[in-house]
Amino acid sequence: MRLTYIVTYDVREARRLRQIFKTMRGFGDHLQYSVFRCDLNAKDRVRMVSALTDVIKHDEDQVLIIPLGPPDGPRTRSIQSIGQPYVPADHDAIIV
């Protein structure tokens, strides 16, 4: 089954940034700077994670993989982090 993911990354070195961008172009659609939308089956997701794991510097960079669920189904809220851990903000939204 294919699932939709948002993949976003924060890479601290220009060469790795270009490598991540080139890698991600093979897996999904470029939405914004450092943000891709990917429709992946389980095998493609493993290939993507493996490719990204080989490129990033784990103590400096961060890649977030946010599953949105099936393209036409309910959405989930779990976030996988590669490299630097994802730390959710512990504050409420501020409405101005």
Protein backbone atom coordinates (compact mmCIF):
# COMPACT_ATOMS: atom_id res chain seq x y z
CA MET A 1 0.00 0.00 0.00
CA ARG A 2 1.26 3.46 -0.87
CA LEU A 3 1.35 6.19 1.77
CA THR A 4 1.90 9.92 1.41
CA TYR A 5 4.79 11.48 3.33
CA ILE A 6 6.11 14.98 3.81
CA VAL A 7 9.90 14.91 3.99
CA THR A 8 11.69 18.02 5.19
CA TYR A 9 15.34 18.49 6.02
CA ASP A 10 17.76 20.85 7.71
CA VAL A 11 21.28 20.25 6.42
CA ARG A 12 24.17 22.41 7.57
CA GLU A 13 26.60 22.03 4.70
CA ALA A 14 25.98 23.07 1.08
CA ARG A 15 27.43 19.92 -0.51
CA ARG A 16 25.24 17.62 1.59
CA LEU A 17 22.25 19.90 0.97
CA ARG A 18 22.68 19.41 -2.80
CA GLN A 19 23.08 15.65 -2.35
CA ILE A 20 19.90 15.42 -0.26
CA PHE A 21 17.99 17.48 -2.85
CA LYS A 22 19.17 15.23 -5.70
CA THR A 23 18.32 12.12 -3.68
CA MET A 24 14.83 13.37 -2.83
CA ARG A 25 14.03 14.26 -6.46
CA GLY A 26 14.09 10.52 -7.11
CA PHE A 27 11.41 9.87 -4.49
CA GLY A 28 8.89 12.70 -4.59
CA ASP A 29 7.71 16.12 -5.67
CA HIS A 30 9.60 19.23 -4.58
CA LEU A 31 7.09 21.52 -2.83
CA GLN A 32 9.26 24.17 -1.20
CA TYR A 33 12.88 24.69 -0.26
CA SER A 34 13.86 21.51 1.65
CA VAL A 35 10.30 20.05 1.53
CA PHE A 36 9.10 17.13 -0.59
CA ARG A 37 5.82 15.22 -0.87
CA CYS A 38 6.33 11.52 -1.55
CA ASP A 39 3.86 8.73 -2.31
CA LEU A 40 5.80 5.61 -1.32
CA ASN A 41 5.22 1.93 -0.78
CA ALA A 42 7.11 0.23 2.07
CA LYS A 43 10.03 -0.83 -0.14
CA ASP A 44 10.51 2.67 -1.60
CA ARG A 45 10.35 4.20 1.88
CA VAL A 46 13.13 1.89 3.10
CA ARG A 47 15.22 2.77 0.02
CA MET A 48 14.67 6.50 0.65
CA VAL A 49 15.60 6.26 4.35
CA SER A 50 18.70 4.26 3.47
CA ALA A 51 19.79 6.77 0.81
CA LEU A 52 19.25 9.71 3.16
CA THR A 53 21.03 7.94 6.02
CA ASP A 54 24.09 7.52 3.81
CA VAL A 55 24.24 11.24 2.95
CA ILE A 56 23.50 13.15 6.15
CA LYS A 57 25.88 13.87 8.99
CA HIS A 58 23.90 12.46 11.91
CA ASP A 59 25.22 14.81 14.58
CA GLU A 60 24.53 17.97 12.54
CA ASP A 61 21.69 17.38 10.10
CA GLN A 62 18.02 16.48 10.49
CA VAL A 63 15.52 14.84 8.16
CA LEU A 64 11.88 14.61 9.24
CA ILE A 65 9.58 12.06 7.61
CA ILE A 66 5.95 12.84 8.36
CA PRO A 67 3.43 10.19 7.29
CA LEU A 68 0.11 11.58 6.13
CA GLY A 69 -1.53 8.22 5.49
CA PRO A 70 -2.97 6.85 2.25
CA PRO A 71 -3.38 9.42 -0.52
CA ASP A 72 -7.17 9.23 -0.11
CA GLY A 73 -7.45 8.12 3.53
CA PRO A 74 -7.16 9.37 7.13
CA ARG A 75 -4.00 11.20 8.25
CA THR A 76 -1.59 10.26 11.08
CA ARG A 77 0.65 12.42 13.30
CA SER A 78 3.84 10.42 13.95
CA ILE A 79 7.11 12.00 12.83
CA GLN A 80 10.30 10.01 12.16
CA SER A 81 13.60 11.84 12.54
CA ILE A 82 16.93 10.89 10.94
CA GLY A 83 19.99 12.55 12.48
CA GLN A 84 19.16 15.23 15.03
CA PRO A 85 16.07 14.23 17.04
CA TYR A 86 12.71 15.91 16.50
CA VAL A 87 11.74 17.86 19.60
CA PRO A 88 8.12 19.09 19.47
CA ALA A 89 7.49 22.58 20.76
CA ASP A 90 5.97 22.43 24.23
CA HIS A 91 3.91 25.58 23.91
CA ASP A 92 0.41 26.26 22.70
CA ALA A 93 -0.35 28.09 19.49
CA ILE A 94 -0.43 31.85 19.79
CA ILE A 95 -3.27 33.52 17.93
CA VAL A 96 -2.74 37.20 17.18
